Amino acid sequence: PFGTGMQTEAIFMPNGDYSIASRMGTLATRHWGRYEIVENWIHFRLHGAEPREYCAHLGCTRLAWPRSETWHVTRFDGRVLETVNGRLVRVR
């Protein structure tokens, strides 16, 4: 319905830091923090996220981001990561 697919890029640093940016049309989000990998699960602990509020013609609303997130990985070929919910992420 938005005329374009969602694009997500995840950057995993060897020291355990990560950054994930997603874009769909003109909407964009980014969150960062620490990650931990156990078998085919990736657990994220968010330290920060953007945007902090959503503004529309009726005013602005402060966004409440989750403190953590876990992905169940079903496929990873070194560049593209696929999760149970069908998310394909380009990894750098």
N, C-alpha and C. Protein backbone atom coordinates (compact mmCIF):
# COMPACT_ATOMS: atom_id res chain seq x y z
N PRO A 1 0.80 -1.22 0.00
CA PRO A 1 0.00 0.00 0.00
C PRO A 1 0.84 1.28 0.00
N PHE A 2 2.11 1.20 0.37
CA PHE A 2 2.96 2.37 0.41
C PHE A 2 3.72 2.56 -0.90
N GLY A 3 3.58 1.62 -1.84
CA GLY A 3 4.21 1.75 -3.14
C GLY A 3 5.64 1.25 -3.19
N THR A 4 6.18 0.78 -2.09
CA THR A 4 7.55 0.29 -2.08
C THR A 4 7.72 -0.72 -0.95
N GLY A 5 8.70 -1.59 -1.09
CA GLY A 5 8.97 -2.55 -0.03
C GLY A 5 9.83 -1.95 1.06
N MET A 6 9.88 -2.62 2.17
CA MET A 6 10.71 -2.16 3.28
C MET A 6 12.14 -2.65 3.07
N GLN A 7 13.11 -1.80 3.33
CA GLN A 7 14.51 -2.15 3.24
C GLN A 7 15.14 -2.03 4.62
N THR A 8 15.90 -3.04 5.01
CA THR A 8 16.56 -3.04 6.31
C THR A 8 18.02 -3.41 6.14
N GLU A 9 18.88 -2.69 6.83
CA GLU A 9 20.31 -2.99 6.83
C GLU A 9 20.78 -3.12 8.27
N ALA A 10 21.47 -4.21 8.57
CA ALA A 10 22.01 -4.44 9.92
C ALA A 10 23.53 -4.44 9.84
N ILE A 11 24.15 -3.74 10.78
CA ILE A 11 25.61 -3.72 10.88
C ILE A 11 25.97 -4.34 12.22
N PHE A 12 26.69 -5.46 12.17
CA PHE A 12 27.13 -6.18 13.36
C PHE A 12 28.63 -5.97 13.52
N MET A 13 29.05 -5.36 14.61
CA MET A 13 30.46 -5.14 14.88
C MET A 13 31.01 -6.30 15.69
N PRO A 14 32.28 -6.66 15.48
CA PRO A 14 32.87 -7.78 16.23
C PRO A 14 32.86 -7.60 17.74
N ASN A 15 32.80 -6.36 18.23
CA ASN A 15 32.81 -6.11 19.68
C ASN A 15 31.44 -6.28 20.33
N GLY A 16 30.40 -6.66 19.54
CA GLY A 16 29.07 -6.89 20.09
C GLY A 16 28.11 -5.73 19.92
N ASP A 17 28.56 -4.63 19.30
CA ASP A 17 27.66 -3.51 19.01
C ASP A 17 26.95 -3.76 17.68
N TYR A 18 25.77 -3.18 17.52
CA TYR A 18 25.03 -3.29 16.27
C TYR A 18 24.29 -1.99 15.99
N SER A 19 23.88 -1.84 14.74
CA SER A 19 23.02 -0.75 14.31
C SER A 19 22.10 -1.32 13.23
N ILE A 20 20.80 -1.06 13.33
CA ILE A 20 19.84 -1.52 12.33
C ILE A 20 19.05 -0.32 11.84
N ALA A 21 19.04 -0.14 10.52
CA ALA A 21 18.28 0.96 9.90
C ALA A 21 17.26 0.36 8.95
N SER A 22 16.03 0.85 9.01
CA SER A 22 14.95 0.39 8.13
C SER A 22 14.32 1.59 7.45
N ARG A 23 13.88 1.36 6.21
CA ARG A 23 13.24 2.43 5.44
C ARG A 23 12.12 1.83 4.61
N MET A 24 11.00 2.53 4.59
CA MET A 24 9.88 2.18 3.71
C MET A 24 9.31 3.50 3.20
N GLY A 25 9.56 3.76 1.93
CA GLY A 25 9.15 5.04 1.37
C GLY A 25 9.89 6.16 2.07
N THR A 26 9.17 7.12 2.61
CA THR A 26 9.79 8.23 3.33
C THR A 26 9.91 7.97 4.83
N LEU A 27 9.40 6.84 5.30
CA LEU A 27 9.51 6.49 6.72
C LEU A 27 10.84 5.80 6.99
N ALA A 28 11.54 6.20 8.04
CA ALA A 28 12.83 5.61 8.37
C ALA A 28 12.97 5.47 9.88
N THR A 29 13.59 4.37 10.31
CA THR A 29 13.87 4.15 11.72
C THR A 29 15.29 3.63 11.85
N ARG A 30 15.85 3.77 13.04
CA ARG A 30 17.19 3.24 13.32
C ARG A 30 17.26 2.94 14.81
N HIS A 31 17.87 1.80 15.15
CA HIS A 31 18.15 1.51 16.56
C HIS A 31 19.50 0.84 16.67
N TRP A 32 20.10 0.95 17.86
CA TRP A 32 21.45 0.48 18.06
C TRP A 32 21.60 0.02 19.51
N GLY A 33 22.66 -0.75 19.73
CA GLY A 33 22.91 -1.27 21.06
C GLY A 33 23.87 -2.43 21.01
N ARG A 34 23.59 -3.46 21.80
CA ARG A 34 24.44 -4.64 21.89
C ARG A 34 23.67 -5.86 21.39
N TYR A 35 24.38 -6.81 20.79
CA TYR A 35 23.74 -8.05 20.32
C TYR A 35 24.49 -9.25 20.88
N GLU A 36 23.77 -10.38 20.92
CA GLU A 36 24.34 -11.65 21.35
C GLU A 36 23.76 -12.73 20.45
N ILE A 37 24.62 -13.63 19.97
CA ILE A 37 24.18 -14.71 19.08
C ILE A 37 24.32 -16.04 19.82
N VAL A 38 23.25 -16.83 19.82
CA VAL A 38 23.25 -18.17 20.36
C VAL A 38 22.58 -19.06 19.33
N GLU A 39 23.37 -19.97 18.74
CA GLU A 39 22.91 -20.84 17.67
C GLU A 39 22.28 -20.00 16.57
N ASN A 40 21.00 -20.19 16.28
CA ASN A 40 20.36 -19.41 15.21
C ASN A 40 19.42 -18.34 15.77
N TRP A 41 19.74 -17.81 16.95
CA TRP A 41 18.98 -16.73 17.57
C TRP A 41 19.90 -15.53 17.75
N ILE A 42 19.40 -14.34 17.46
CA ILE A 42 20.13 -13.10 17.73
C ILE A 42 19.28 -12.27 18.69
N HIS A 43 19.86 -11.94 19.83
CA HIS A 43 19.14 -11.11 20.81
C HIS A 43 19.76 -9.72 20.82
N PHE A 44 18.90 -8.70 20.70
CA PHE A 44 19.33 -7.32 20.67
C PHE A 44 18.90 -6.62 21.95
N ARG A 45 19.80 -5.86 22.57
CA ARG A 45 19.48 -4.99 23.70
C ARG A 45 19.63 -3.55 23.20
N LEU A 46 18.51 -2.87 23.06
CA LEU A 46 18.52 -1.52 22.52
C LEU A 46 19.10 -0.52 23.52
N HIS A 47 20.01 0.31 23.02
CA HIS A 47 20.55 1.40 23.83
C HIS A 47 20.01 2.74 23.36
N GLY A 48 19.55 2.79 22.11
CA GLY A 48 18.99 4.02 21.57
C GLY A 48 18.21 3.74 20.30
N ALA A 49 17.32 4.68 19.95
CA ALA A 49 16.49 4.51 18.75
C ALA A 49 16.03 5.86 18.24
N GLU A 50 15.80 5.91 16.94
CA GLU A 50 15.28 7.11 16.27
C GLU A 50 14.20 6.67 15.31
N PRO A 51 13.16 7.43 15.08
CA PRO A 51 12.88 8.72 15.70
C PRO A 51 12.35 8.55 17.12
N ARG A 52 12.42 9.61 17.89
CA ARG A 52 11.93 9.58 19.27
C ARG A 52 10.46 9.98 19.36
N GLU A 53 9.96 10.63 18.30
CA GLU A 53 8.55 10.97 18.27
C GLU A 53 8.03 10.95 16.84
N TYR A 54 6.72 10.76 16.71
CA TYR A 54 6.05 10.73 15.42
C TYR A 54 5.16 11.97 15.35
N CYS A 55 5.34 12.75 14.30
CA CYS A 55 4.55 13.97 14.14
C CYS A 55 3.69 13.88 12.88
N ALA A 56 2.43 14.22 13.03
CA ALA A 56 1.47 14.25 11.92
C ALA A 56 0.67 15.55 12.03
N HIS A 57 -0.31 15.69 11.19
CA HIS A 57 -1.09 16.94 11.17
C HIS A 57 -1.83 17.21 12.48
N LEU A 58 -2.03 16.20 13.32
CA LEU A 58 -2.72 16.38 14.60
C LEU A 58 -1.76 16.64 15.76
N GLY A 59 -0.47 16.69 15.50
CA GLY A 59 0.51 16.91 16.56
C GLY A 59 1.52 15.78 16.64
N CYS A 60 2.30 15.77 17.71
CA CYS A 60 3.38 14.80 17.87
C CYS A 60 3.08 13.84 19.03
N THR A 61 3.54 12.60 18.87
CA THR A 61 3.39 11.56 19.90
C THR A 61 4.76 10.97 20.17
N ARG A 62 5.13 10.87 21.43
CA ARG A 62 6.41 10.25 21.81
C ARG A 62 6.31 8.75 21.57
N LEU A 63 7.33 8.17 20.94
CA LEU A 63 7.35 6.74 20.62
C LEU A 63 7.98 5.96 21.77
N ALA A 64 7.42 4.80 22.05
CA ALA A 64 7.95 3.90 23.07
C ALA A 64 8.61 2.72 22.35
N TRP A 65 9.93 2.67 22.38
CA TRP A 65 10.68 1.58 21.75
C TRP A 65 10.84 0.43 22.74
N PRO A 66 10.87 -0.83 22.24
CA PRO A 66 11.11 -1.95 23.15
C PRO A 66 12.55 -1.92 23.66
N ARG A 67 12.80 -2.51 24.80
CA ARG A 67 14.16 -2.56 25.37
C ARG A 67 15.00 -3.66 24.73
N SER A 68 14.33 -4.66 24.14
CA SER A 68 15.07 -5.76 23.51
C SER A 68 14.23 -6.37 22.40
N GLU A 69 14.91 -7.16 21.57
CA GLU A 69 14.27 -7.84 20.45
C GLU A 69 15.07 -9.09 20.15
N THR A 70 14.41 -10.16 19.73
CA THR A 70 15.10 -11.40 19.38
C THR A 70 14.64 -11.87 18.02
N TRP A 71 15.60 -12.21 17.16
CA TRP A 71 15.30 -12.77 15.84
C TRP A 71 15.66 -14.24 15.82
N HIS A 72 14.80 -15.06 15.24
CA HIS A 72 15.09 -16.47 14.97
C HIS A 72 15.51 -16.55 13.51
N VAL A 73 16.76 -16.85 13.26
CA VAL A 73 17.33 -16.85 11.91
C VAL A 73 17.11 -18.21 11.26
N THR A 74 16.51 -18.20 10.06
CA THR A 74 16.28 -19.45 9.33
C THR A 74 17.28 -19.67 8.21
N ARG A 75 17.93 -18.60 7.75
CA ARG A 75 18.93 -18.73 6.67
C ARG A 75 19.88 -17.56 6.74
N PHE A 76 21.17 -17.84 6.53
CA PHE A 76 22.18 -16.79 6.42
C PHE A 76 23.24 -17.27 5.45
N ASP A 77 23.44 -16.51 4.37
CA ASP A 77 24.42 -16.91 3.36
C ASP A 77 25.67 -16.03 3.37
N GLY A 78 25.87 -15.27 4.43
CA GLY A 78 27.02 -14.39 4.53
C GLY A 78 26.70 -12.95 4.19
N ARG A 79 25.63 -12.72 3.44
CA ARG A 79 25.21 -11.36 3.07
C ARG A 79 23.75 -11.09 3.38
N VAL A 80 22.90 -12.09 3.21
CA VAL A 80 21.47 -11.90 3.45
C VAL A 80 21.04 -12.82 4.59
N LEU A 81 20.33 -12.23 5.54
CA LEU A 81 19.86 -12.95 6.71
C LEU A 81 18.34 -13.02 6.63
N GLU A 82 17.78 -14.22 6.77
CA GLU A 82 16.33 -14.39 6.72
C GLU A 82 15.85 -14.87 8.08
N THR A 83 14.72 -14.30 8.53
CA THR A 83 14.16 -14.67 9.83
C THR A 83 12.84 -15.39 9.64
N VAL A 84 12.31 -15.93 10.72
CA VAL A 84 11.06 -16.68 10.69
C VAL A 84 9.92 -15.84 10.12
N ASN A 85 9.89 -14.54 10.43
CA ASN A 85 8.80 -13.71 9.94
C ASN A 85 9.01 -13.24 8.50
N GLY A 86 10.02 -13.81 7.82
CA GLY A 86 10.24 -13.50 6.41
C GLY A 86 11.12 -12.29 6.17
N ARG A 87 11.69 -11.73 7.23
CA ARG A 87 12.53 -10.55 7.09
C ARG A 87 13.84 -10.93 6.40
N LEU A 88 14.16 -10.23 5.33
CA LEU A 88 15.45 -10.38 4.66
C LEU A 88 16.25 -9.12 4.95
N VAL A 89 17.44 -9.30 5.49
CA VAL A 89 18.25 -8.18 5.89
C VAL A 89 19.61 -8.27 5.21
N ARG A 90 20.04 -7.18 4.57
CA ARG A 90 21.39 -7.13 4.03
C ARG A 90 22.32 -6.83 5.18
N VAL A 91 23.35 -7.66 5.35
CA VAL A 91 24.26 -7.55 6.48
C VAL A 91 25.59 -7.01 6.03
N ARG A 92 26.13 -6.06 6.79
CA ARG A 92 27.48 -5.56 6.55
C ARG A 92 28.32 -5.84 7.76
